[in-house]
Amino acid sequence: MRSREHAALLLRKAKQDQFTIEKLLPDPASPDDVIGFHAQQAVEKMLKAVLASAAVRYRRTHDLLELFDTLRENNISYPPELEEVRRLTPFAAAFRYDDLPDDQEQPFERRWAMDCVRRVRAWVESVLGEGLASDP
């Protein structure tokens, strides 16, 4: 698959994760770990879309910090405030199979997670340009 096509696929899949969060967020019965998982997945796919569009190879990983490192190593700049989304990394695996700890350094905020997805998406769409970002 070509870089541009792969980036478009990843962005479409990230939008599906965002859609899921938007549907679950208003329902207080929706588990935080499920919302966190889809937020992490959306951000992961969007970062990989930027890397793919730049034809940068990346390791199969769920570690958002590693993906930010890969962006930096390849001179792909991003707003530094986006790095806070790395707090979503444990939702990819650790919290999928275990409960959220009660003694978290910062309690999980569902709306914060959604805001992270929206901010990363805005940056990604600005980087990828209108053509790729608006592909169905």
C-alpha atoms as a PDB file:
ATOM      1  CA  MET A   1       0.000   0.000   0.000  1.00  0.00           C
ATOM      2  CA  ARG A   2       1.347   3.415  -0.929  1.00  0.00           C
ATOM      3  CA  SER A   3       2.153   5.930   1.816  1.00  0.00           C
ATOM      4  CA  ARG A   4      -0.699   8.296   0.969  1.00  0.00           C
ATOM      5  CA  GLU A   5      -3.260   5.484   0.799  1.00  0.00           C
ATOM      6  CA  HIS A   6      -2.032   4.034   4.079  1.00  0.00           C
ATOM      7  CA  ALA A   7      -2.205   7.457   5.751  1.00  0.00           C
ATOM      8  CA  ALA A   8      -5.775   7.920   4.494  1.00  0.00           C
ATOM      9  CA  LEU A   9      -6.764   4.484   5.818  1.00  0.00           C
ATOM     10  CA  LEU A  10      -5.281   5.228   9.238  1.00  0.00           C
ATOM     11  CA  LEU A  11      -7.063   8.570   9.386  1.00  0.00           C
ATOM     12  CA  ARG A  12     -10.399   6.946   8.467  1.00  0.00           C
ATOM     13  CA  LYS A  13      -9.912   4.366  11.212  1.00  0.00           C
ATOM     14  CA  ALA A  14      -9.014   7.105  13.717  1.00  0.00           C
ATOM     15  CA  LYS A  15     -12.226   8.917  12.812  1.00  0.00           C
ATOM     16  CA  GLN A  16     -14.145   5.722  13.623  1.00  0.00           C
ATOM     17  CA  ASP A  17     -12.551   5.650  17.072  1.00  0.00           C
ATOM     18  CA  GLN A  18     -13.478   9.308  17.551  1.00  0.00           C
ATOM     19  CA  PHE A  19     -17.059   8.556  16.486  1.00  0.00           C
ATOM     20  CA  THR A  20     -17.210   5.797  19.107  1.00  0.00           C
ATOM     21  CA  ILE A  21     -16.024   8.177  21.833  1.00  0.00           C
ATOM     22  CA  GLU A  22     -18.569  10.804  20.801  1.00  0.00           C
ATOM     23  CA  LYS A  23     -21.361   8.238  21.119  1.00  0.00           C
ATOM     24  CA  LEU A  24     -20.175   6.869  24.473  1.00  0.00           C
ATOM     25  CA  LEU A  25     -19.180  10.121  26.163  1.00  0.00           C
ATOM     26  CA  PRO A  26     -22.662  11.388  27.099  1.00  0.00           C
ATOM     27  CA  ASP A  27     -23.591   8.075  28.739  1.00  0.00           C
ATOM     28  CA  PRO A  28     -22.254   7.990  32.318  1.00  0.00           C
ATOM     29  CA  ALA A  29     -22.523   4.192  32.249  1.00  0.00           C
ATOM     30  CA  SER A  30     -19.859   4.021  29.510  1.00  0.00           C
ATOM     31  CA  PRO A  31     -16.674   2.670  31.090  1.00  0.00           C
ATOM     32  CA  ASP A  32     -13.773   5.098  31.317  1.00  0.00           C
ATOM     33  CA  ASP A  33     -11.341   2.437  30.134  1.00  0.00           C
ATOM     34  CA  VAL A  34     -13.335   1.951  26.915  1.00  0.00           C
ATOM     35  CA  ILE A  35     -13.345   5.683  26.229  1.00  0.00           C
ATOM     36  CA  GLY A  36      -9.631   5.830  27.049  1.00  0.00           C
ATOM     37  CA  PHE A  37      -8.936   2.898  24.740  1.00  0.00           C
ATOM     38  CA  HIS A  38     -10.660   4.519  21.764  1.00  0.00           C
ATOM     39  CA  ALA A  39      -8.975   7.861  22.498  1.00  0.00           C
ATOM     40  CA  GLN A  40      -5.577   6.166  22.585  1.00  0.00           C
ATOM     41  CA  GLN A  41      -6.328   4.270  19.397  1.00  0.00           C
ATOM     42  CA  ALA A  42      -7.489   7.412  17.580  1.00  0.00           C
ATOM     43  CA  VAL A  43      -4.351   9.330  18.563  1.00  0.00           C
ATOM     44  CA  GLU A  44      -2.087   6.398  17.715  1.00  0.00           C
ATOM     45  CA  LYS A  45      -3.604   6.009  14.247  1.00  0.00           C
ATOM     46  CA  MET A  46      -3.439   9.737  13.556  1.00  0.00           C
ATOM     47  CA  LEU A  47       0.245   9.950  14.518  1.00  0.00           C
ATOM     48  CA  LYS A  48       0.948   6.943  12.324  1.00  0.00           C
ATOM     49  CA  ALA A  49      -0.985   8.611   9.484  1.00  0.00           C
ATOM     50  CA  VAL A  50       1.392  11.576   9.633  1.00  0.00           C
ATOM     51  CA  LEU A  51       4.386   9.245   9.637  1.00  0.00           C
ATOM     52  CA  ALA A  52       2.968   7.195   6.764  1.00  0.00           C
ATOM     53  CA  SER A  53       2.233  10.300   4.697  1.00  0.00           C
ATOM     54  CA  ALA A  54       5.887  11.296   5.114  1.00  0.00           C
ATOM     55  CA  ALA A  55       6.963   7.752   4.102  1.00  0.00           C
ATOM     56  CA  VAL A  56       8.528   7.223   7.533  1.00  0.00           C
ATOM     57  CA  ARG A  57       8.724   3.646   8.741  1.00  0.00           C
ATOM     58  CA  TYR A  58       7.570   3.147  12.287  1.00  0.00           C
ATOM     59  CA  ARG A  59       7.604   0.206  14.619  1.00  0.00           C
ATOM     60  CA  ARG A  60       4.361  -1.581  15.450  1.00  0.00           C
ATOM     61  CA  THR A  61       3.698  -0.007  18.804  1.00  0.00           C
ATOM     62  CA  HIS A  62       0.954   1.444  20.951  1.00  0.00           C
ATOM     63  CA  ASP A  63       3.437   3.689  22.768  1.00  0.00           C
ATOM     64  CA  LEU A  64       2.470   7.264  21.940  1.00  0.00           C
ATOM     65  CA  LEU A  65       5.733   8.621  23.356  1.00  0.00           C
ATOM     66  CA  GLU A  66       7.657   6.418  20.930  1.00  0.00           C
ATOM     67  CA  LEU A  67       5.556   7.744  18.066  1.00  0.00           C
ATOM     68  CA  PHE A  68       6.273  11.331  19.130  1.00  0.00           C
ATOM     69  CA  ASP A  69       9.977  10.429  19.288  1.00  0.00           C
ATOM     70  CA  THR A  70       9.737   9.048  15.742  1.00  0.00           C
ATOM     71  CA  LEU A  71       8.102  12.267  14.551  1.00  0.00           C
ATOM     72  CA  ARG A  72      10.890  14.308  16.178  1.00  0.00           C
ATOM     73  CA  GLU A  73      13.648  12.045  14.809  1.00  0.00           C
ATOM     74  CA  ASN A  74      12.252  12.614  11.325  1.00  0.00           C
ATOM     75  CA  ASN A  75      11.998  16.396  11.707  1.00  0.00           C
ATOM     76  CA  ILE A  76       8.221  16.400  11.725  1.00  0.00           C
ATOM     77  CA  SER A  77       7.284  19.210  14.059  1.00  0.00           C
ATOM     78  CA  TYR A  78       4.150  19.237  16.156  1.00  0.00           C
ATOM     79  CA  PRO A  79       2.760  21.494  18.864  1.00  0.00           C
ATOM     80  CA  PRO A  80       4.562  20.537  22.100  1.00  0.00           C
ATOM     81  CA  GLU A  81       1.316  20.598  24.072  1.00  0.00           C
ATOM     82  CA  LEU A  82       0.194  17.521  22.126  1.00  0.00           C
ATOM     83  CA  GLU A  83       2.706  15.433  24.076  1.00  0.00           C
ATOM     84  CA  GLU A  84       0.298  15.366  27.016  1.00  0.00           C
ATOM     85  CA  VAL A  85      -1.691  12.752  25.099  1.00  0.00           C
ATOM     86  CA  ARG A  86       1.032  10.245  25.978  1.00  0.00           C
ATOM     87  CA  ARG A  87      -0.997   9.759  29.184  1.00  0.00           C
ATOM     88  CA  LEU A  88      -3.367   7.731  27.011  1.00  0.00           C
ATOM     89  CA  THR A  89      -0.709   5.069  26.261  1.00  0.00           C
ATOM     90  CA  PRO A  90      -1.707   2.640  29.069  1.00  0.00           C
ATOM     91  CA  PHE A  91      -5.218   2.391  27.630  1.00  0.00           C
ATOM     92  CA  ALA A  92      -3.857   0.480  24.622  1.00  0.00           C
ATOM     93  CA  ALA A  93      -2.991  -2.617  26.601  1.00  0.00           C
ATOM     94  CA  ALA A  94      -2.564  -2.296  30.360  1.00  0.00           C
ATOM     95  CA  PHE A  95      -6.006  -0.883  31.114  1.00  0.00           C
ATOM     96  CA  ARG A  96      -7.670  -3.128  28.514  1.00  0.00           C
ATOM     97  CA  TYR A  97      -6.987  -6.101  30.742  1.00  0.00           C
ATOM     98  CA  ASP A  98      -6.959  -4.476  34.151  1.00  0.00           C
ATOM     99  CA  ASP A  99      -9.005  -1.888  36.005  1.00  0.00           C
ATOM    100  CA  LEU A 100      -7.933   1.720  36.159  1.00  0.00           C
ATOM    101  CA  PRO A 101      -5.964   2.213  39.354  1.00  0.00           C
ATOM    102  CA  ASP A 102      -7.664   4.231  42.077  1.00  0.00           C
ATOM    103  CA  ASP A 103      -4.420   6.000  42.934  1.00  0.00           C
ATOM    104  CA  GLN A 104      -3.663   7.463  39.515  1.00  0.00           C
ATOM    105  CA  GLU A 105      -1.365  10.461  39.513  1.00  0.00           C
ATOM    106  CA  GLN A 106      -4.024  12.331  37.561  1.00  0.00           C
ATOM    107  CA  PRO A 107      -7.555  10.935  37.506  1.00  0.00           C
ATOM    108  CA  PHE A 108      -8.895  10.073  34.073  1.00  0.00           C
ATOM    109  CA  GLU A 109     -11.090  12.762  32.602  1.00  0.00           C
ATOM    110  CA  ARG A 110     -13.288  11.603  29.762  1.00  0.00           C
ATOM    111  CA  ARG A 111     -13.745  15.064  28.256  1.00  0.00           C
ATOM    112  CA  TRP A 112      -9.979  15.639  28.408  1.00  0.00           C
ATOM    113  CA  ALA A 113      -9.512  12.448  26.353  1.00  0.00           C
ATOM    114  CA  MET A 114     -11.998  13.667  23.743  1.00  0.00           C
ATOM    115  CA  ASP A 115     -10.295  17.052  23.660  1.00  0.00           C
ATOM    116  CA  CYS A 116      -6.946  15.318  23.066  1.00  0.00           C
ATOM    117  CA  VAL A 117      -8.374  13.457  20.092  1.00  0.00           C
ATOM    118  CA  ARG A 118      -9.826  16.657  18.638  1.00  0.00           C
ATOM    119  CA  ARG A 119      -6.577  18.613  19.080  1.00  0.00           C
ATOM    120  CA  VAL A 120      -4.454  15.877  17.537  1.00  0.00           C
ATOM    121  CA  ARG A 121      -6.920  15.535  14.666  1.00  0.00           C
ATOM    122  CA  ALA A 122      -6.830  19.287  13.972  1.00  0.00           C
ATOM    123  CA  TRP A 123      -3.027  19.181  13.846  1.00  0.00           C
ATOM    124  CA  VAL A 124      -2.972  16.044  11.692  1.00  0.00           C
ATOM    125  CA  GLU A 125      -5.462  17.475   9.219  1.00  0.00           C
ATOM    126  CA  SER A 126      -3.382  20.668   8.957  1.00  0.00           C
ATOM    127  CA  VAL A 127      -0.289  18.566   8.240  1.00  0.00           C
ATOM    128  CA  LEU A 128      -1.907  16.171   5.775  1.00  0.00           C
ATOM    129  CA  GLY A 129      -3.698  18.882   3.896  1.00  0.00           C
ATOM    130  CA  GLU A 130      -7.291  19.119   2.891  1.00  0.00           C
ATOM    131  CA  GLY A 131      -7.160  16.476   0.165  1.00  0.00           C
ATOM    132  CA  LEU A 132      -6.036  13.582   2.325  1.00  0.00           C
ATOM    133  CA  ALA A 133      -7.808  14.672   5.492  1.00  0.00           C
ATOM    134  CA  SER A 134     -11.164  14.860   3.731  1.00  0.00           C
ATOM    135  CA  ASP A 135     -10.874  11.493   1.951  1.00  0.00           C
ATOM    136  CA  PRO A 136     -13.905   9.366   2.860  1.00  0.00           C
END
